[in-house]
Amino acid sequence: MPTYQYACTACSHEFEAVQSFSDDSLTTCPECEGEIRKIYSAVGVVFKGSGFYKTDSAKKPVSKESSTPVAPAPAAPAPKAD
């Protein structure tokens, strides 16, 4: 069940209430019996699992160049001592 935030317009009391989606919104403050309003805020969304991004499900092409081993570069000659 979702948790809703409310704030009283008369006494500025803020509180949370756990309510079902089908429940009516609260209308009175439990502190002063004044009128309350629902506070809306941004909700963070987290997608877990694979398939949410293009890179998760995309097949990477296999080329012949990437499958052949690369020979190491020759070492540079040591400087001559004078």
N, C-alpha and C. Protein backbone atom coordinates (compact mmCIF):
# COMPACT_ATOMS: atom_id res chain seq x y z
N MET A 1 0.84 -1.18 0.00
CA MET A 1 0.00 0.00 0.00
C MET A 1 0.89 1.24 0.00
N PRO A 2 0.48 2.25 -0.74
CA PRO A 2 1.29 3.47 -0.81
C PRO A 2 1.18 4.33 0.45
N THR A 3 2.22 5.10 0.67
CA THR A 3 2.26 6.05 1.79
C THR A 3 2.09 7.45 1.22
N TYR A 4 1.14 8.21 1.73
CA TYR A 4 0.88 9.57 1.27
C TYR A 4 1.32 10.57 2.33
N GLN A 5 1.80 11.72 1.89
CA GLN A 5 2.19 12.79 2.80
C GLN A 5 1.11 13.87 2.77
N TYR A 6 0.80 14.39 3.95
CA TYR A 6 -0.19 15.45 4.09
C TYR A 6 0.40 16.58 4.91
N ALA A 7 -0.14 17.80 4.69
CA ALA A 7 0.25 18.97 5.47
C ALA A 7 -1.00 19.78 5.78
N CYS A 8 -1.07 20.27 7.01
CA CYS A 8 -2.22 21.08 7.44
C CYS A 8 -2.01 22.52 6.96
N THR A 9 -3.07 23.13 6.45
CA THR A 9 -2.97 24.52 5.99
C THR A 9 -3.10 25.50 7.15
N ALA A 10 -3.61 25.04 8.29
CA ALA A 10 -3.81 25.92 9.44
C ALA A 10 -2.61 25.91 10.39
N CYS A 11 -2.13 24.73 10.78
CA CYS A 11 -1.06 24.65 11.79
C CYS A 11 0.27 24.15 11.23
N SER A 12 0.35 23.87 9.93
CA SER A 12 1.56 23.40 9.25
C SER A 12 2.04 22.03 9.73
N HIS A 13 1.20 21.28 10.41
CA HIS A 13 1.55 19.92 10.84
C HIS A 13 1.66 19.03 9.61
N GLU A 14 2.76 18.28 9.51
CA GLU A 14 2.95 17.35 8.40
C GLU A 14 2.96 15.92 8.93
N PHE A 15 2.33 15.01 8.18
CA PHE A 15 2.29 13.62 8.59
C PHE A 15 2.11 12.72 7.37
N GLU A 16 2.32 11.43 7.57
CA GLU A 16 2.16 10.43 6.53
C GLU A 16 1.02 9.49 6.89
N ALA A 17 0.36 8.98 5.85
CA ALA A 17 -0.73 8.02 6.06
C ALA A 17 -0.61 6.91 5.02
N VAL A 18 -0.71 5.66 5.48
CA VAL A 18 -0.70 4.51 4.57
C VAL A 18 -2.14 4.24 4.19
N GLN A 19 -2.42 4.36 2.89
CA GLN A 19 -3.79 4.20 2.40
C GLN A 19 -3.79 3.35 1.14
N SER A 20 -4.90 2.68 0.93
CA SER A 20 -5.10 1.93 -0.30
C SER A 20 -5.42 2.91 -1.43
N PHE A 21 -5.24 2.45 -2.67
CA PHE A 21 -5.58 3.30 -3.81
C PHE A 21 -7.06 3.65 -3.82
N SER A 22 -7.89 2.78 -3.32
CA SER A 22 -9.33 3.00 -3.36
C SER A 22 -9.84 3.86 -2.19
N ASP A 23 -9.00 4.11 -1.18
CA ASP A 23 -9.42 4.95 -0.04
C ASP A 23 -9.54 6.41 -0.46
N ASP A 24 -10.47 7.12 0.16
CA ASP A 24 -10.60 8.55 -0.08
C ASP A 24 -9.46 9.29 0.61
N SER A 25 -9.08 10.45 0.06
CA SER A 25 -8.04 11.27 0.68
C SER A 25 -8.52 11.80 2.02
N LEU A 26 -7.57 11.98 2.95
CA LEU A 26 -7.92 12.56 4.24
C LEU A 26 -8.24 14.03 4.07
N THR A 27 -9.08 14.58 4.96
CA THR A 27 -9.50 15.97 4.81
C THR A 27 -9.27 16.82 6.04
N THR A 28 -9.08 16.20 7.24
CA THR A 28 -8.91 16.98 8.46
C THR A 28 -7.61 16.62 9.16
N CYS A 29 -7.00 17.63 9.78
CA CYS A 29 -5.74 17.46 10.50
C CYS A 29 -6.00 16.74 11.83
N PRO A 30 -5.17 15.75 12.17
CA PRO A 30 -5.36 15.06 13.45
C PRO A 30 -4.95 15.92 14.65
N GLU A 31 -4.21 17.00 14.44
CA GLU A 31 -3.76 17.87 15.53
C GLU A 31 -4.78 18.97 15.86
N CYS A 32 -5.23 19.70 14.81
CA CYS A 32 -6.09 20.87 15.07
C CYS A 32 -7.44 20.81 14.38
N GLU A 33 -7.73 19.71 13.68
CA GLU A 33 -8.98 19.54 12.92
C GLU A 33 -9.11 20.53 11.76
N GLY A 34 -7.98 21.13 11.35
CA GLY A 34 -7.99 22.06 10.22
C GLY A 34 -7.96 21.30 8.89
N GLU A 35 -8.02 22.06 7.81
CA GLU A 35 -8.01 21.48 6.47
C GLU A 35 -6.59 21.07 6.09
N ILE A 36 -6.46 19.91 5.45
CA ILE A 36 -5.15 19.43 5.04
C ILE A 36 -5.09 19.31 3.53
N ARG A 37 -3.86 19.24 3.02
CA ARG A 37 -3.65 19.04 1.59
C ARG A 37 -2.62 17.93 1.41
N LYS A 38 -2.71 17.25 0.30
CA LYS A 38 -1.78 16.17 -0.01
C LYS A 38 -0.51 16.78 -0.60
N ILE A 39 0.64 16.28 -0.18
CA ILE A 39 1.93 16.76 -0.69
C ILE A 39 2.41 15.76 -1.74
N TYR A 40 2.72 16.27 -2.92
CA TYR A 40 3.23 15.42 -4.00
C TYR A 40 4.72 15.67 -4.16
N SER A 41 5.48 14.59 -4.34
CA SER A 41 6.91 14.73 -4.54
C SER A 41 7.36 13.73 -5.61
N ALA A 42 8.55 13.97 -6.13
CA ALA A 42 9.09 13.09 -7.17
C ALA A 42 9.40 11.72 -6.58
N VAL A 43 9.19 10.71 -7.38
CA VAL A 43 9.42 9.34 -6.96
C VAL A 43 10.59 8.78 -7.77
N GLY A 44 11.54 8.20 -7.07
CA GLY A 44 12.67 7.58 -7.77
C GLY A 44 12.26 6.22 -8.29
N VAL A 45 12.64 5.93 -9.52
CA VAL A 45 12.30 4.66 -10.13
C VAL A 45 13.59 3.90 -10.40
N VAL A 46 13.63 2.66 -9.98
CA VAL A 46 14.79 1.81 -10.19
C VAL A 46 14.36 0.59 -10.99
N PHE A 47 14.97 0.41 -12.16
CA PHE A 47 14.69 -0.75 -12.98
C PHE A 47 15.75 -1.80 -12.69
N LYS A 48 15.34 -2.96 -12.21
CA LYS A 48 16.28 -4.03 -11.91
C LYS A 48 16.08 -5.16 -12.89
N GLY A 49 17.17 -5.81 -13.24
CA GLY A 49 17.10 -6.92 -14.16
C GLY A 49 17.64 -6.53 -15.52
N SER A 50 17.63 -7.47 -16.43
CA SER A 50 18.17 -7.20 -17.76
C SER A 50 17.05 -6.82 -18.71
N GLY A 51 17.44 -6.16 -19.80
CA GLY A 51 16.47 -5.82 -20.83
C GLY A 51 15.93 -4.42 -20.75
N PHE A 52 16.34 -3.62 -19.79
CA PHE A 52 15.82 -2.27 -19.68
C PHE A 52 16.60 -1.27 -20.52
N TYR A 53 17.80 -1.64 -20.91
CA TYR A 53 18.62 -0.74 -21.69
C TYR A 53 18.92 -1.39 -23.03
N LYS A 54 19.19 -0.57 -24.03
CA LYS A 54 19.47 -1.08 -25.37
C LYS A 54 20.70 -1.99 -25.34
N THR A 55 21.67 -1.67 -24.52
CA THR A 55 22.90 -2.46 -24.47
C THR A 55 22.70 -3.79 -23.77
N ASP A 56 21.64 -3.96 -22.99
CA ASP A 56 21.41 -5.22 -22.29
C ASP A 56 20.98 -6.34 -23.25
N SER A 57 20.17 -5.99 -24.24
CA SER A 57 19.62 -7.02 -25.10
C SER A 57 20.21 -7.01 -26.50
N ALA A 58 21.03 -6.03 -26.83
CA ALA A 58 21.60 -5.95 -28.17
C ALA A 58 22.69 -7.00 -28.36
N LYS A 59 22.67 -7.64 -29.51
CA LYS A 59 23.71 -8.63 -29.82
C LYS A 59 24.90 -7.88 -30.40
N LYS A 60 26.05 -8.17 -29.87
CA LYS A 60 27.26 -7.53 -30.34
C LYS A 60 27.79 -8.29 -31.54
N PRO A 61 28.11 -7.57 -32.64
CA PRO A 61 28.63 -8.27 -33.83
C PRO A 61 30.04 -8.81 -33.56
N VAL A 62 30.31 -9.98 -34.10
CA VAL A 62 31.62 -10.61 -33.95
C VAL A 62 32.33 -10.46 -35.29
N SER A 63 33.48 -9.80 -35.29
CA SER A 63 34.23 -9.64 -36.53
C SER A 63 35.50 -10.48 -36.47
N LYS A 64 36.05 -10.80 -37.64
CA LYS A 64 37.27 -11.61 -37.70
C LYS A 64 38.45 -10.85 -37.11
N GLU A 65 38.46 -9.52 -37.26
CA GLU A 65 39.57 -8.72 -36.76
C GLU A 65 39.68 -8.78 -35.24
N SER A 66 38.56 -8.76 -34.57
CA SER A 66 38.60 -8.76 -33.11
C SER A 66 38.92 -10.13 -32.54
N SER A 67 38.75 -11.21 -33.35
CA SER A 67 39.00 -12.55 -32.83
C SER A 67 40.45 -13.00 -33.03
N THR A 68 41.22 -12.31 -33.88
CA THR A 68 42.62 -12.70 -34.08
C THR A 68 43.49 -12.02 -33.04
N PRO A 69 44.45 -12.77 -32.48
CA PRO A 69 45.31 -12.16 -31.47
C PRO A 69 46.24 -11.13 -32.09
N VAL A 70 46.57 -10.13 -31.34
CA VAL A 70 47.45 -9.06 -31.80
C VAL A 70 48.83 -9.31 -31.23
N ALA A 71 49.86 -9.25 -32.11
CA ALA A 71 51.23 -9.46 -31.67
C ALA A 71 51.71 -8.24 -30.88
N PRO A 72 52.49 -8.46 -29.82
CA PRO A 72 52.97 -7.32 -29.04
C PRO A 72 53.95 -6.49 -29.86
N ALA A 73 54.00 -5.18 -29.59
CA ALA A 73 54.90 -4.27 -30.30
C ALA A 73 56.33 -4.56 -29.87
N PRO A 74 57.28 -4.42 -30.81
CA PRO A 74 58.68 -4.67 -30.45
C PRO A 74 59.15 -3.63 -29.43
N ALA A 75 60.08 -4.06 -28.57
CA ALA A 75 60.60 -3.16 -27.56
C ALA A 75 61.55 -2.15 -28.18
N ALA A 76 61.56 -0.95 -27.64
CA ALA A 76 62.45 0.10 -28.16
C ALA A 76 63.88 -0.21 -27.73
N PRO A 77 64.88 0.10 -28.60
CA PRO A 77 66.27 -0.16 -28.22
C PRO A 77 66.69 0.71 -27.04
N ALA A 78 67.55 0.16 -26.22
CA ALA A 78 68.04 0.90 -25.05
C ALA A 78 68.97 2.00 -25.51
N PRO A 79 68.97 3.17 -24.83
CA PRO A 79 69.88 4.26 -25.22
C PRO A 79 71.32 3.90 -24.96
N LYS A 80 72.22 4.39 -25.81
CA LYS A 80 73.65 4.10 -25.68
C LYS A 80 74.23 4.96 -24.57
N ALA A 81 75.10 4.36 -23.81
CA ALA A 81 75.78 5.10 -22.75
C ALA A 81 77.03 5.75 -23.34
N ASP A 82 77.29 7.00 -23.07
CA ASP A 82 78.46 7.70 -23.61
C ASP A 82 79.63 7.67 -22.69
